[in-house]
Amino acid sequence: MMKHYFYLLVLILSLTACGSNDDNAPHRKPAGPNANANDTSLKKEYGRLEFPKLRGGAGNRVVIHSTNDDSVNYSVEWNDAKKSQRWSCYQMYKSNLVQKVSRYKSKTNQYPKDPQIPAEYAFDADPYWSSGYDHGHICPSEDRRSSFDANYQTFYMSNMQPQLNGFNAGVWLHMENAVREWAKKNNYKFCDTLYVCKGGTIDHPTNYTKTGKGLLVPKYFFMAVLRVKNGQYNAIGFWVEHNANNDSHLAKYAVSIKELEEKTGIDFFCNLPDAREKVIESTPVNYTLWDLK
């Protein structure tokens, strides 16, 4: 009799472990028809909710960084010819926001090359030095302090975009802090998971400039955030011009996901069922929900 109970327990635990489509995220991805979902035949991770529609084609590659426990840390879409990233995307929930380590610091290699990007598609030397721009994290170091490797990976050059210090340490930092506060709000009761996609505009020449070393400098930066709580979904976007700006009143930069898609040309949260995605994207910003002023 005890043997039967043992096998039943093993079966239940196995089913529970296989129940999530998004690795360690504490909820299930919703089911339903989806005509514009990413093709997951190459990588199952392309179907994660934080992923936007992949640009694909020659010269665009997706890099998925995982930690030593095989959890996805964050992902990047990289343009080989431009030697620049289009976006970083990642998840935020209680267990991956626990701060166990300090920020990575090195005297000799503070911003390592991404080992998954071939040398010919990356800069030989760090083009940020003496450029007048900060190494602007897209997936923030502060959001990845649960382990050394999780934090270290955020310093890869592929996770950087050039940012003016008055922007990086100003309005961009305020936006990052706001997203982090949402993830932790009410002792992590505001959401089960936040799905985040962030980046700078590099797709069209009118939306970026170049340094003398060939480094692309976006004219605009964006964030797309999807909140999931008890099966309910809400989303918000940020769109901000790249200039020195210490504004902490973020309501003026908030946009619906539909508007953000129109500005960026990126299809965010494409792995949601079509009907749900349409409603989420077209819903106006709920300033009260997001505590925006």
Foldseek 3Di string as FASTA:
>chain_A
DVVVVVVVVVVVVVCVCPQDLQHPQPDHADDAAFDQQEDPPPPSNSLDQLHWRDPDDPQWDKDWDADPVRHTLKMWIAGQVLLATAKIKDKAADLQLDADADADDDPPPQQAADPVDDPSSHDPDPPQPPQQWDFAFRPDLNRGRNDDSSSSVSSYSRRGATAHPLVSVAPVVLVVVLVVCCCCPPNRQNASMKIKMKDAADPDPVQWDATPVSGTHGQKIKMKIWGHHPNDIAIKMFIDGGDRHRDNQRPVRIFAQLVVCVVRVIGHSSSHHPVVSVCRRPDTDDCVSSVGD
